Amino acid sequence: MVGPAETPSASHAFEFLGSSELDESDGRVEISIVVPLFNEESTVARLYEEVAEALKGRSWEIVYVDDGSTDGSYRQLTQLHTDHSNVRVVRLRRNFGKAAALSAGFDVVRGSVIVTIDADLQDDPTEIPNLLAKLDEGYDLVSGWKCDRQDPFARRMFSRVYNRVTGIVTGLDLHDMNCGLKACRAEVLDSVRVYGDLHRFVPVLAHQLGFRVGEVAVNHRPRLVGKSRYGLERYTRGFFDLLTVAYLGRYRYRPLHFFGGIGLLLGSVGFVILCYLTAIKIGGAGIGSRPLLMLGVLLFVVGVQFFSLGLVGELLTSHHEEKTAARTRRNYVRDSIL
């Protein structure tokens, strides 16, 4: 597991063991396994052995991302890199969080299919072929579903509610949005940017771009070494991340539709109230001491502010699009061209 999320300020915030050249001479592989980790000294070697057993006969590499471990994890990884040519290691200079660790791993992978798996051995590497088989059915991303989850009751209940709410808000109905065991095609990660705590919403972000997302029930094992570094507070952070994903998915390129809509509603209600008060004022009634006057003014002013915020958002979006290269500023992903 890795610690709280924070995005590195520059790509030089890590060290890398392995060739960084991604040309043909570097040797493309079929499958890249990305393993973010923090203080998992006792599990990294066993994880490699289990992955090797599961992927016998296939072309693969494993990219360990050491997210600023303070135990002997990096020493173990260095030894694995020395012993096995398909082991690559990225070492972040400090603990940046799981999303940053995954991004650092995605930057150096060479496979056409990328699999993510946690280093704590709760995810079962023997399930990787099942994910790959599901990809072969035409899916672009396949997420694991820990249907028999080996975690405390409270975490299971919170996770169930969280996944249900996420499905309602985003329109993507998965049983286990936060499963660390996922497989996807490389083009998915070329289009989806992972930062903050958004790693758990990669299926949603891919779904919003039109990629086909599926799910496979996977085995989940009890944690035998160490303890989880995540508490219930991650669900609070997850709620804000869910709002971020929902907003970006619908209004990233049209912020005026969101803020302008709220502003129009509030401003219209305020305007109607003020018109009513104006009419009764003309009729001779006093309105200076009426709370309705303050409410009408407040709603109208706040509505104008929301509308103005939407216009500012449109200006920022337009400026960003003009400054971004044409290849990266597209808000769609092509499936095919005939």
C-alpha atoms as a PDB file:
ATOM      1  CA  MET A   1       0.000   0.000   0.000  1.00  0.00           C
ATOM      2  CA  VAL A   2       1.054   3.573  -0.444  1.00  0.00           C
ATOM      3  CA  GLY A   3       0.409   6.657   1.613  1.00  0.00           C
ATOM      4  CA  PRO A   4      -1.742   9.780   1.204  1.00  0.00           C
ATOM      5  CA  ALA A   5      -1.875  11.257  -2.234  1.00  0.00           C
ATOM      6  CA  GLU A   6       0.223  14.138  -3.471  1.00  0.00           C
ATOM      7  CA  THR A   7       1.368  14.752  -7.000  1.00  0.00           C
ATOM      8  CA  PRO A   8       5.099  15.205  -7.712  1.00  0.00           C
ATOM      9  CA  SER A   9       5.947  18.599  -9.112  1.00  0.00           C
ATOM     10  CA  ALA A  10       8.238  17.259 -11.807  1.00  0.00           C
ATOM     11  CA  SER A  11       9.148  14.026 -13.508  1.00  0.00           C
ATOM     12  CA  HIS A  12      12.637  14.098 -12.021  1.00  0.00           C
ATOM     13  CA  ALA A  13      11.169  13.311  -8.605  1.00  0.00           C
ATOM     14  CA  PHE A  14      12.084   9.641  -9.049  1.00  0.00           C
ATOM     15  CA  GLU A  15      15.007   7.314  -9.682  1.00  0.00           C
ATOM     16  CA  PHE A  16      14.734   4.507 -12.212  1.00  0.00           C
ATOM     17  CA  LEU A  17      16.412   1.118 -12.513  1.00  0.00           C
ATOM     18  CA  GLY A  18      16.105  -0.189 -16.054  1.00  0.00           C
ATOM     19  CA  SER A  19      16.408   1.103 -19.571  1.00  0.00           C
ATOM     20  CA  SER A  20      14.437   4.282 -20.177  1.00  0.00           C
ATOM     21  CA  GLU A  21      14.584   4.044 -23.970  1.00  0.00           C
ATOM     22  CA  LEU A  22      11.272   2.898 -25.421  1.00  0.00           C
ATOM     23  CA  ASP A  23      12.331   2.163 -28.989  1.00  0.00           C
ATOM     24  CA  GLU A  24      12.267  -1.221 -30.715  1.00  0.00           C
ATOM     25  CA  SER A  25      15.715  -2.134 -29.423  1.00  0.00           C
ATOM     26  CA  ASP A  26      14.402  -1.891 -25.882  1.00  0.00           C
ATOM     27  CA  GLY A  27      12.232  -4.966 -26.373  1.00  0.00           C
ATOM     28  CA  ARG A  28       8.490  -4.459 -26.286  1.00  0.00           C
ATOM     29  CA  VAL A  29       6.546  -6.871 -24.095  1.00  0.00           C
ATOM     30  CA  GLU A  30       2.958  -8.085 -24.096  1.00  0.00           C
ATOM     31  CA  ILE A  31       2.107  -7.347 -20.463  1.00  0.00           C
ATOM     32  CA  SER A  32       3.385  -4.785 -17.976  1.00  0.00           C
ATOM     33  CA  ILE A  33       2.611  -5.311 -14.285  1.00  0.00           C
ATOM     34  CA  VAL A  34       2.714  -2.079 -12.253  1.00  0.00           C
ATOM     35  CA  VAL A  35       3.097  -2.487  -8.485  1.00  0.00           C
ATOM     36  CA  PRO A  36       2.926   0.633  -6.284  1.00  0.00           C
ATOM     37  CA  LEU A  37       4.289  -0.019  -2.809  1.00  0.00           C
ATOM     38  CA  PHE A  38       5.247   1.600   0.468  1.00  0.00           C
ATOM     39  CA  ASN A  39       7.173  -0.352   3.129  1.00  0.00           C
ATOM     40  CA  GLU A  40       6.454  -3.844   1.729  1.00  0.00           C
ATOM     41  CA  GLU A  41       9.913  -5.346   2.224  1.00  0.00           C
ATOM     42  CA  SER A  42       8.636  -8.807   3.113  1.00  0.00           C
ATOM     43  CA  THR A  43       6.262  -9.258   0.153  1.00  0.00           C
ATOM     44  CA  VAL A  44       7.926  -7.957  -3.031  1.00  0.00           C
ATOM     45  CA  ALA A  45       9.964 -11.097  -3.760  1.00  0.00           C
ATOM     46  CA  ARG A  46       7.048 -13.448  -3.157  1.00  0.00           C
ATOM     47  CA  LEU A  47       4.824 -11.289  -5.365  1.00  0.00           C
ATOM     48  CA  TYR A  48       7.319 -11.643  -8.216  1.00  0.00           C
ATOM     49  CA  GLU A  49       7.330 -15.432  -7.835  1.00  0.00           C
ATOM     50  CA  GLU A  50       3.533 -15.612  -7.904  1.00  0.00           C
ATOM     51  CA  VAL A  51       3.291 -13.335 -10.933  1.00  0.00           C
ATOM     52  CA  ALA A  52       5.948 -15.377 -12.746  1.00  0.00           C
ATOM     53  CA  GLU A  53       3.995 -18.548 -12.082  1.00  0.00           C
ATOM     54  CA  ALA A  54       0.734 -16.984 -13.288  1.00  0.00           C
ATOM     55  CA  LEU A  55       2.246 -15.621 -16.527  1.00  0.00           C
ATOM     56  CA  LYS A  56       4.321 -18.601 -17.607  1.00  0.00           C
ATOM     57  CA  GLY A  57       4.834 -18.653 -21.351  1.00  0.00           C
ATOM     58  CA  ARG A  58       3.931 -15.005 -21.857  1.00  0.00           C
ATOM     59  CA  SER A  59       6.069 -11.938 -22.533  1.00  0.00           C
ATOM     60  CA  TRP A  60       5.885  -9.669 -19.501  1.00  0.00           C
ATOM     61  CA  GLU A  61       7.673  -7.228 -17.244  1.00  0.00           C
ATOM     62  CA  ILE A  62       7.009  -6.041 -13.724  1.00  0.00           C
ATOM     63  CA  VAL A  63       7.505  -2.413 -12.717  1.00  0.00           C
ATOM     64  CA  TYR A  64       7.778  -1.854  -8.977  1.00  0.00           C
ATOM     65  CA  VAL A  65       7.237   1.743  -7.853  1.00  0.00           C
ATOM     66  CA  ASP A  66       8.753   2.392  -4.424  1.00  0.00           C
ATOM     67  CA  ASP A  67       6.743   5.309  -3.056  1.00  0.00           C
ATOM     68  CA  GLY A  68       9.394   6.558  -0.627  1.00  0.00           C
ATOM     69  CA  SER A  69       9.666   3.422   1.523  1.00  0.00           C
ATOM     70  CA  THR A  70      11.609   3.759   4.769  1.00  0.00           C
ATOM     71  CA  ASP A  71      12.235   0.037   5.365  1.00  0.00           C
ATOM     72  CA  GLY A  72      14.332  -2.316   3.244  1.00  0.00           C
ATOM     73  CA  SER A  73      11.935  -2.431   0.304  1.00  0.00           C
ATOM     74  CA  TYR A  74      14.288  -0.707  -2.120  1.00  0.00           C
ATOM     75  CA  ARG A  75      17.122  -3.061  -1.191  1.00  0.00           C
ATOM     76  CA  GLN A  76      14.900  -6.037  -1.986  1.00  0.00           C
ATOM     77  CA  LEU A  77      13.822  -4.440  -5.255  1.00  0.00           C
ATOM     78  CA  THR A  78      17.414  -3.774  -6.256  1.00  0.00           C
ATOM     79  CA  GLN A  79      18.225  -7.433  -5.714  1.00  0.00           C
ATOM     80  CA  LEU A  80      15.212  -8.515  -7.767  1.00  0.00           C
ATOM     81  CA  HIS A  81      16.296  -6.174 -10.553  1.00  0.00           C
ATOM     82  CA  THR A  82      19.759  -7.733 -10.496  1.00  0.00           C
ATOM     83  CA  ASP A  83      18.413 -11.291 -10.537  1.00  0.00           C
ATOM     84  CA  HIS A  84      15.668 -10.903 -13.143  1.00  0.00           C
ATOM     85  CA  SER A  85      15.890  -9.032 -16.433  1.00  0.00           C
ATOM     86  CA  ASN A  86      12.151  -8.324 -16.534  1.00  0.00           C
ATOM     87  CA  VAL A  87      12.126  -6.450 -13.203  1.00  0.00           C
ATOM     88  CA  ARG A  88      12.193  -2.667 -13.415  1.00  0.00           C
ATOM     89  CA  VAL A  89      12.166  -0.349 -10.426  1.00  0.00           C
ATOM     90  CA  VAL A  90      11.068   3.255 -10.058  1.00  0.00           C
ATOM     91  CA  ARG A  91      11.951   4.900  -6.748  1.00  0.00           C
ATOM     92  CA  LEU A  92      10.169   8.107  -5.774  1.00  0.00           C
ATOM     93  CA  ARG A  93      12.250  10.500  -3.695  1.00  0.00           C
ATOM     94  CA  ARG A  94       9.572  10.622  -0.996  1.00  0.00           C
ATOM     95  CA  ASN A  95       6.054   9.370  -0.343  1.00  0.00           C
ATOM     96  CA  PHE A  96       3.796  11.026  -2.943  1.00  0.00           C
ATOM     97  CA  GLY A  97       0.782   8.694  -2.745  1.00  0.00           C
ATOM     98  CA  LYS A  98      -0.673   5.875  -4.789  1.00  0.00           C
ATOM     99  CA  ALA A  99      -1.867   7.941  -7.755  1.00  0.00           C
ATOM    100  CA  ALA A 100       1.586   9.475  -8.226  1.00  0.00           C
ATOM    101  CA  ALA A 101       3.219   6.055  -7.840  1.00  0.00           C
ATOM    102  CA  LEU A 102       0.950   4.557 -10.494  1.00  0.00           C
ATOM    103  CA  SER A 103       1.615   7.480 -12.840  1.00  0.00           C
ATOM    104  CA  ALA A 104       5.371   7.028 -12.411  1.00  0.00           C
ATOM    105  CA  GLY A 105       4.984   3.360 -13.315  1.00  0.00           C
ATOM    106  CA  PHE A 106       2.767   4.072 -16.314  1.00  0.00           C
ATOM    107  CA  ASP A 107       5.418   6.467 -17.645  1.00  0.00           C
ATOM    108  CA  VAL A 108       7.950   3.652 -18.129  1.00  0.00           C
ATOM    109  CA  VAL A 109       5.859   0.608 -19.082  1.00  0.00           C
ATOM    110  CA  ARG A 110       6.498  -1.094 -22.420  1.00  0.00           C
ATOM    111  CA  GLY A 111       3.547  -3.458 -22.624  1.00  0.00           C
ATOM    112  CA  SER A 112       0.457  -3.181 -24.787  1.00  0.00           C
ATOM    113  CA  VAL A 113      -1.550  -4.329 -21.764  1.00  0.00           C
ATOM    114  CA  ILE A 114      -1.015  -2.872 -18.300  1.00  0.00           C
ATOM    115  CA  VAL A 115      -2.027  -4.662 -15.104  1.00  0.00           C
ATOM    116  CA  THR A 116      -1.995  -2.981 -11.690  1.00  0.00           C
ATOM    117  CA  ILE A 117      -1.740  -4.968  -8.482  1.00  0.00           C
ATOM    118  CA  ASP A 118      -1.008  -4.039  -4.870  1.00  0.00           C
ATOM    119  CA  ALA A 119       2.116  -5.371  -3.183  1.00  0.00           C
ATOM    120  CA  ASP A 120       0.477  -6.576   0.034  1.00  0.00           C
ATOM    121  CA  LEU A 121      -0.403 -10.006  -1.482  1.00  0.00           C
ATOM    122  CA  GLN A 122      -4.124  -9.628  -0.813  1.00  0.00           C
ATOM    123  CA  ASP A 123      -4.692  -9.464  -4.572  1.00  0.00           C
ATOM    124  CA  ASP A 124      -4.130 -12.908  -6.089  1.00  0.00           C
ATOM    125  CA  PRO A 125      -1.792 -12.894  -9.134  1.00  0.00           C
ATOM    126  CA  THR A 126      -3.393 -16.123 -10.400  1.00  0.00           C
ATOM    127  CA  GLU A 127      -6.398 -13.969 -11.344  1.00  0.00           C
ATOM    128  CA  ILE A 128      -4.367 -11.969 -13.882  1.00  0.00           C
ATOM    129  CA  PRO A 129      -5.038 -14.449 -16.753  1.00  0.00           C
ATOM    130  CA  ASN A 130      -8.784 -14.094 -16.050  1.00  0.00           C
ATOM    131  CA  LEU A 131      -8.534 -10.315 -16.441  1.00  0.00           C
ATOM    132  CA  LEU A 132      -6.595 -10.733 -19.673  1.00  0.00           C
ATOM    133  CA  ALA A 133      -9.194 -13.177 -20.995  1.00  0.00           C
ATOM    134  CA  LYS A 134     -11.918 -10.621 -20.300  1.00  0.00           C
ATOM    135  CA  LEU A 135      -9.921  -7.997 -22.207  1.00  0.00           C
ATOM    136  CA  ASP A 136      -9.844 -10.384 -25.167  1.00  0.00           C
ATOM    137  CA  GLU A 137     -13.649 -10.303 -25.206  1.00  0.00           C
ATOM    138  CA  GLY A 138     -13.446  -6.713 -26.467  1.00  0.00           C
ATOM    139  CA  TYR A 139     -13.137  -4.684 -23.281  1.00  0.00           C
ATOM    140  CA  ASP A 140     -10.604  -1.887 -22.902  1.00  0.00           C
ATOM    141  CA  LEU A 141     -10.404  -1.976 -19.103  1.00  0.00           C
ATOM    142  CA  VAL A 142     -11.296  -4.773 -16.697  1.00  0.00           C
ATOM    143  CA  SER A 143     -11.554  -4.208 -12.962  1.00  0.00           C
ATOM    144  CA  GLY A 144     -11.395  -6.898 -10.306  1.00  0.00           C
ATOM    145  CA  TRP A 145     -14.322  -7.492  -7.970  1.00  0.00           C
ATOM    146  CA  LYS A 146     -13.388  -8.747  -4.516  1.00  0.00           C
ATOM    147  CA  CYS A 147     -16.703 -10.588  -4.090  1.00  0.00           C
ATOM    148  CA  ASP A 148     -15.475 -12.407  -0.949  1.00  0.00           C
ATOM    149  CA  ARG A 149     -13.515  -9.540   0.529  1.00  0.00           C
ATOM    150  CA  GLN A 150     -11.175 -10.404   3.406  1.00  0.00           C
ATOM    151  CA  ASP A 151     -11.412  -7.105   5.274  1.00  0.00           C
ATOM    152  CA  PRO A 152     -13.105  -5.966   8.502  1.00  0.00           C
ATOM    153  CA  PHE A 153     -16.904  -5.677   8.451  1.00  0.00           C
ATOM    154  CA  ALA A 154     -16.926  -1.873   8.749  1.00  0.00           C
ATOM    155  CA  ARG A 155     -14.667  -1.439   5.707  1.00  0.00           C
ATOM    156  CA  ARG A 156     -16.790  -3.829   3.665  1.00  0.00           C
ATOM    157  CA  MET A 157     -19.990  -1.962   4.507  1.00  0.00           C
ATOM    158  CA  PHE A 158     -18.532   1.480   3.819  1.00  0.00           C
ATOM    159  CA  SER A 159     -17.090   0.190   0.549  1.00  0.00           C
ATOM    160  CA  ARG A 160     -20.426  -1.275  -0.523  1.00  0.00           C
ATOM    161  CA  VAL A 161     -22.257   2.006   0.087  1.00  0.00           C
ATOM    162  CA  TYR A 162     -19.451   3.963  -1.563  1.00  0.00           C
ATOM    163  CA  ASN A 163     -19.493   1.811  -4.703  1.00  0.00           C
ATOM    164  CA  ARG A 164     -23.274   2.039  -4.929  1.00  0.00           C
ATOM    165  CA  VAL A 165     -23.282   5.832  -4.653  1.00  0.00           C
ATOM    166  CA  THR A 166     -20.457   6.066  -7.195  1.00  0.00           C
ATOM    167  CA  GLY A 167     -22.440   3.947  -9.632  1.00  0.00           C
ATOM    168  CA  ILE A 168     -25.505   6.171  -9.273  1.00  0.00           C
ATOM    169  CA  VAL A 169     -23.541   9.411  -9.701  1.00  0.00           C
ATOM    170  CA  THR A 170     -21.289   8.308 -12.571  1.00  0.00           C
ATOM    171  CA  GLY A 171     -23.504   5.850 -14.423  1.00  0.00           C
ATOM    172  CA  LEU A 172     -20.873   3.090 -14.255  1.00  0.00           C
ATOM    173  CA  ASP A 173     -22.182   0.231 -12.137  1.00  0.00           C
ATOM    174  CA  LEU A 174     -19.224  -1.724 -10.748  1.00  0.00           C
ATOM    175  CA  HIS A 175     -19.264  -3.773  -7.564  1.00  0.00           C
ATOM    176  CA  ASP A 176     -15.740  -2.796  -6.537  1.00  0.00           C
ATOM    177  CA  MET A 177     -14.481   0.516  -7.872  1.00  0.00           C
ATOM    178  CA  ASN A 178     -11.384   0.537  -5.649  1.00  0.00           C
ATOM    179  CA  CYS A 179      -9.974  -2.918  -6.360  1.00  0.00           C
ATOM    180  CA  GLY A 180      -6.219  -2.617  -6.916  1.00  0.00           C
ATOM    181  CA  LEU A 181      -6.233  -5.459  -9.438  1.00  0.00           C
ATOM    182  CA  LYS A 182      -7.063  -4.051 -12.863  1.00  0.00           C
ATOM    183  CA  ALA A 183      -6.037  -4.666 -16.462  1.00  0.00           C
ATOM    184  CA  CYS A 184      -6.330  -2.252 -19.370  1.00  0.00           C
ATOM    185  CA  ARG A 185      -5.009  -1.550 -22.816  1.00  0.00           C
ATOM    186  CA  ALA A 186      -2.181   0.969 -23.101  1.00  0.00           C
ATOM    187  CA  GLU A 187      -4.328   3.444 -25.040  1.00  0.00           C
ATOM    188  CA  VAL A 188      -6.618   3.827 -22.019  1.00  0.00           C
ATOM    189  CA  LEU A 189      -3.774   5.219 -19.918  1.00  0.00           C
ATOM    190  CA  ASP A 190      -2.666   7.390 -22.835  1.00  0.00           C
ATOM    191  CA  SER A 191      -6.014   9.177 -22.501  1.00  0.00           C
ATOM    192  CA  VAL A 192      -6.688   9.068 -18.738  1.00  0.00           C
ATOM    193  CA  ARG A 193      -4.608  11.254 -16.434  1.00  0.00           C
ATOM    194  CA  VAL A 194      -4.210   9.920 -12.885  1.00  0.00           C
ATOM    195  CA  TYR A 195      -3.499  12.422 -10.108  1.00  0.00           C
ATOM    196  CA  GLY A 196      -4.571  13.248  -6.550  1.00  0.00           C
ATOM    197  CA  ASP A 197      -6.701  10.332  -5.337  1.00  0.00           C
ATOM    198  CA  LEU A 198      -8.319   9.700  -8.718  1.00  0.00           C
ATOM    199  CA  HIS A 199      -6.597   6.330  -9.181  1.00  0.00           C
ATOM    200  CA  ARG A 200      -9.674   4.632  -7.723  1.00  0.00           C
ATOM    201  CA  PHE A 201     -11.821   6.268 -10.417  1.00  0.00           C
ATOM    202  CA  VAL A 202      -9.798   5.150 -13.434  1.00  0.00           C
ATOM    203  CA  PRO A 203     -12.702   2.916 -14.621  1.00  0.00           C
ATOM    204  CA  VAL A 204     -15.064   5.922 -14.415  1.00  0.00           C
ATOM    205  CA  LEU A 205     -12.658   8.226 -16.241  1.00  0.00           C
ATOM    206  CA  ALA A 206     -12.190   5.595 -18.962  1.00  0.00           C
ATOM    207  CA  HIS A 207     -15.952   5.077 -19.203  1.00  0.00           C
ATOM    208  CA  GLN A 208     -16.487   8.827 -19.635  1.00  0.00           C
ATOM    209  CA  LEU A 209     -14.128   8.759 -22.622  1.00  0.00           C
ATOM    210  CA  GLY A 210     -16.068   5.938 -24.265  1.00  0.00           C
ATOM    211  CA  PHE A 211     -13.812   2.990 -23.431  1.00  0.00           C
ATOM    212  CA  ARG A 212     -15.499  -0.344 -22.738  1.00  0.00           C
ATOM    213  CA  VAL A 213     -15.219  -1.225 -19.047  1.00  0.00           C
ATOM    214  CA  GLY A 214     -15.860  -4.684 -17.591  1.00  0.00           C
ATOM    215  CA  GLU A 215     -15.559  -6.510 -14.301  1.00  0.00           C
ATOM    216  CA  VAL A 216     -14.353  -9.942 -13.176  1.00  0.00           C
ATOM    217  CA  ALA A 217     -14.822 -11.580  -9.769  1.00  0.00           C
ATOM    218  CA  VAL A 218     -11.396 -12.228  -8.236  1.00  0.00           C
ATOM    219  CA  ASN A 219     -10.032 -13.989  -5.201  1.00  0.00           C
ATOM    220  CA  HIS A 220      -9.127 -11.750  -2.264  1.00  0.00           C
ATOM    221  CA  ARG A 221      -6.781 -13.039   0.414  1.00  0.00           C
ATOM    222  CA  PRO A 222      -6.379 -12.020   4.067  1.00  0.00           C
ATOM    223  CA  ARG A 223      -3.533  -9.650   4.783  1.00  0.00           C
ATOM    224  CA  LEU A 224      -0.802 -11.691   6.467  1.00  0.00           C
ATOM    225  CA  VAL A 225       1.953  -9.078   6.687  1.00  0.00           C
ATOM    226  CA  GLY A 226       1.716  -5.505   7.969  1.00  0.00           C
ATOM    227  CA  LYS A 227      -1.500  -3.530   8.205  1.00  0.00           C
ATOM    228  CA  SER A 228      -3.564  -1.267   5.994  1.00  0.00           C
ATOM    229  CA  ARG A 229      -2.488   2.382   5.980  1.00  0.00           C
ATOM    230  CA  TYR A 230      -5.915   3.591   4.963  1.00  0.00           C
ATOM    231  CA  GLY A 231      -8.664   4.449   7.421  1.00  0.00           C
ATOM    232  CA  LEU A 232     -12.279   5.457   7.066  1.00  0.00           C
ATOM    233  CA  GLU A 233     -11.159   9.027   6.332  1.00  0.00           C
ATOM    234  CA  ARG A 234     -10.406   7.964   2.775  1.00  0.00           C
ATOM    235  CA  TYR A 235     -14.137   7.688   2.160  1.00  0.00           C
ATOM    236  CA  THR A 236     -14.494  11.348   3.104  1.00  0.00           C
ATOM    237  CA  ARG A 237     -11.750  12.237   0.633  1.00  0.00           C
ATOM    238  CA  GLY A 238     -13.366   9.871  -1.834  1.00  0.00           C
ATOM    239  CA  PHE A 239     -16.640  11.801  -1.663  1.00  0.00           C
ATOM    240  CA  PHE A 240     -14.900  14.982  -2.810  1.00  0.00           C
ATOM    241  CA  ASP A 241     -13.050  13.037  -5.501  1.00  0.00           C
ATOM    242  CA  LEU A 242     -16.395  11.635  -6.665  1.00  0.00           C
ATOM    243  CA  LEU A 243     -17.746  15.166  -7.040  1.00  0.00           C
ATOM    244  CA  THR A 244     -14.603  16.084  -8.992  1.00  0.00           C
ATOM    245  CA  VAL A 245     -14.997  13.131 -11.359  1.00  0.00           C
ATOM    246  CA  ALA A 246     -18.716  13.758 -11.849  1.00  0.00           C
ATOM    247  CA  TYR A 247     -18.126  17.449 -12.587  1.00  0.00           C
ATOM    248  CA  LEU A 248     -15.170  16.888 -14.917  1.00  0.00           C
ATOM    249  CA  GLY A 249     -17.005  14.166 -16.797  1.00  0.00           C
ATOM    250  CA  ARG A 250     -20.028  16.336 -17.543  1.00  0.00           C
ATOM    251  CA  TYR A 251     -18.850  19.936 -17.491  1.00  0.00           C
ATOM    252  CA  ARG A 252     -15.084  19.999 -17.994  1.00  0.00           C
ATOM    253  CA  TYR A 253     -15.431  21.664 -21.395  1.00  0.00           C
ATOM    254  CA  ARG A 254     -18.616  23.647 -20.641  1.00  0.00           C
ATOM    255  CA  PRO A 255     -18.406  25.075 -17.103  1.00  0.00           C
ATOM    256  CA  LEU A 256     -20.981  27.758 -17.920  1.00  0.00           C
ATOM    257  CA  HIS A 257     -23.622  25.041 -18.271  1.00  0.00           C
ATOM    258  CA  PHE A 258     -23.046  24.074 -14.634  1.00  0.00           C
ATOM    259  CA  PHE A 259     -22.397  27.379 -12.890  1.00  0.00           C
ATOM    260  CA  GLY A 260     -24.620  29.315 -15.266  1.00  0.00           C
ATOM    261  CA  GLY A 261     -27.493  26.921 -14.628  1.00  0.00           C
ATOM    262  CA  ILE A 262     -27.222  27.356 -10.870  1.00  0.00           C
ATOM    263  CA  GLY A 263     -26.837  31.113 -11.274  1.00  0.00           C
ATOM    264  CA  LEU A 264     -29.854  31.343 -13.589  1.00  0.00           C
ATOM    265  CA  LEU A 265     -32.028  29.404 -11.131  1.00  0.00           C
ATOM    266  CA  LEU A 266     -31.019  31.430  -8.067  1.00  0.00           C
ATOM    267  CA  GLY A 267     -31.080  34.742  -9.941  1.00  0.00           C
ATOM    268  CA  SER A 268     -34.533  34.034 -11.394  1.00  0.00           C
ATOM    269  CA  VAL A 269     -35.989  33.240  -7.981  1.00  0.00           C
ATOM    270  CA  GLY A 270     -34.417  36.400  -6.559  1.00  0.00           C
ATOM    271  CA  PHE A 271     -35.712  38.452  -9.499  1.00  0.00           C
ATOM    272  CA  VAL A 272     -39.263  37.163  -9.034  1.00  0.00           C
ATOM    273  CA  ILE A 273     -39.123  37.982  -5.310  1.00  0.00           C
ATOM    274  CA  LEU A 274     -37.873  41.509  -6.021  1.00  0.00           C
ATOM    275  CA  CYS A 275     -40.554  42.055  -8.678  1.00  0.00           C
ATOM    276  CA  TYR A 276     -43.201  40.979  -6.191  1.00  0.00           C
ATOM    277  CA  LEU A 277     -41.845  43.326  -3.533  1.00  0.00           C
ATOM    278  CA  THR A 278     -41.680  46.163  -6.072  1.00  0.00           C
ATOM    279  CA  ALA A 279     -45.319  45.611  -6.969  1.00  0.00           C
ATOM    280  CA  ILE A 280     -46.523  45.731  -3.373  1.00  0.00           C
ATOM    281  CA  LYS A 281     -44.276  48.742  -2.720  1.00  0.00           C
ATOM    282  CA  ILE A 282     -46.012  50.572  -5.555  1.00  0.00           C
ATOM    283  CA  GLY A 283     -49.280  49.599  -3.910  1.00  0.00           C
ATOM    284  CA  GLY A 284     -48.225  51.422  -0.767  1.00  0.00           C
ATOM    285  CA  ALA A 285     -47.015  48.561   1.443  1.00  0.00           C
ATOM    286  CA  GLY A 286     -43.781  48.844   3.373  1.00  0.00           C
ATOM    287  CA  ILE A 287     -41.048  46.363   2.447  1.00  0.00           C
ATOM    288  CA  GLY A 288     -37.982  47.718   4.242  1.00  0.00           C
ATOM    289  CA  SER A 289     -38.389  45.438   7.251  1.00  0.00           C
ATOM    290  CA  ARG A 290     -39.379  42.328   5.338  1.00  0.00           C
ATOM    291  CA  PRO A 291     -36.879  39.416   5.460  1.00  0.00           C
ATOM    292  CA  LEU A 292     -38.074  38.544   1.961  1.00  0.00           C
ATOM    293  CA  LEU A 293     -36.293  41.647   0.670  1.00  0.00           C
ATOM    294  CA  MET A 294     -32.935  40.444   1.973  1.00  0.00           C
ATOM    295  CA  LEU A 295     -33.599  36.974   0.570  1.00  0.00           C
ATOM    296  CA  GLY A 296     -34.461  38.354  -2.855  1.00  0.00           C
ATOM    297  CA  VAL A 297     -31.353  40.550  -3.002  1.00  0.00           C
ATOM    298  CA  LEU A 298     -29.154  37.711  -1.752  1.00  0.00           C
ATOM    299  CA  LEU A 299     -30.458  35.195  -4.302  1.00  0.00           C
ATOM    300  CA  PHE A 300     -30.123  37.663  -7.172  1.00  0.00           C
ATOM    301  CA  VAL A 301     -26.547  38.665  -6.243  1.00  0.00           C
ATOM    302  CA  VAL A 302     -25.437  35.064  -5.671  1.00  0.00           C
ATOM    303  CA  GLY A 303     -27.026  34.073  -8.978  1.00  0.00           C
ATOM    304  CA  VAL A 304     -25.048  36.764 -10.802  1.00  0.00           C
ATOM    305  CA  GLN A 305     -21.876  35.557  -9.073  1.00  0.00           C
ATOM    306  CA  PHE A 306     -22.448  31.948 -10.131  1.00  0.00           C
ATOM    307  CA  PHE A 307     -23.130  33.047 -13.700  1.00  0.00           C
ATOM    308  CA  SER A 308     -19.951  35.148 -13.681  1.00  0.00           C
ATOM    309  CA  LEU A 309     -18.003  32.173 -12.311  1.00  0.00           C
ATOM    310  CA  GLY A 310     -19.227  30.125 -15.256  1.00  0.00           C
ATOM    311  CA  LEU A 311     -18.041  32.795 -17.703  1.00  0.00           C
ATOM    312  CA  VAL A 312     -14.615  32.866 -16.032  1.00  0.00           C
ATOM    313  CA  GLY A 313     -14.521  29.068 -16.296  1.00  0.00           C
ATOM    314  CA  GLU A 314     -15.279  29.289 -20.009  1.00  0.00           C
ATOM    315  CA  LEU A 315     -12.454  31.798 -20.471  1.00  0.00           C
ATOM    316  CA  LEU A 316      -9.997  29.545 -18.608  1.00  0.00           C
ATOM    317  CA  THR A 317     -11.090  26.487 -20.582  1.00  0.00           C
ATOM    318  CA  SER A 318     -10.740  28.366 -23.870  1.00  0.00           C
ATOM    319  CA  HIS A 319      -7.296  29.637 -22.897  1.00  0.00           C
ATOM    320  CA  HIS A 320      -6.184  26.161 -21.860  1.00  0.00           C
ATOM    321  CA  GLU A 321      -7.386  24.647 -25.122  1.00  0.00           C
ATOM    322  CA  GLU A 322      -5.520  27.268 -27.139  1.00  0.00           C
ATOM    323  CA  LYS A 323      -2.295  26.595 -25.235  1.00  0.00           C
ATOM    324  CA  THR A 324      -2.538  22.807 -25.392  1.00  0.00           C
ATOM    325  CA  ALA A 325      -1.194  20.867 -28.344  1.00  0.00           C
ATOM    326  CA  ALA A 326      -3.890  19.616 -30.708  1.00  0.00           C
ATOM    327  CA  ARG A 327      -3.051  15.987 -29.974  1.00  0.00           C
ATOM    328  CA  THR A 328      -3.670  16.307 -26.259  1.00  0.00           C
ATOM    329  CA  ARG A 329      -6.555  18.731 -26.187  1.00  0.00           C
ATOM    330  CA  ARG A 330      -9.125  16.485 -27.875  1.00  0.00           C
ATOM    331  CA  ASN A 331     -12.104  15.779 -25.625  1.00  0.00           C
ATOM    332  CA  TYR A 332     -12.902  12.540 -27.433  1.00  0.00           C
ATOM    333  CA  VAL A 333     -11.120   9.242 -28.148  1.00  0.00           C
ATOM    334  CA  ARG A 334     -11.439   7.617 -31.558  1.00  0.00           C
ATOM    335  CA  ASP A 335     -12.343   3.936 -31.694  1.00  0.00           C
ATOM    336  CA  SER A 336     -11.680   3.366 -35.390  1.00  0.00           C
ATOM    337  CA  ILE A 337     -11.671   5.055 -38.793  1.00  0.00           C
ATOM    338  CA  LEU A 338     -12.898   3.280 -41.911  1.00  0.00           C
END
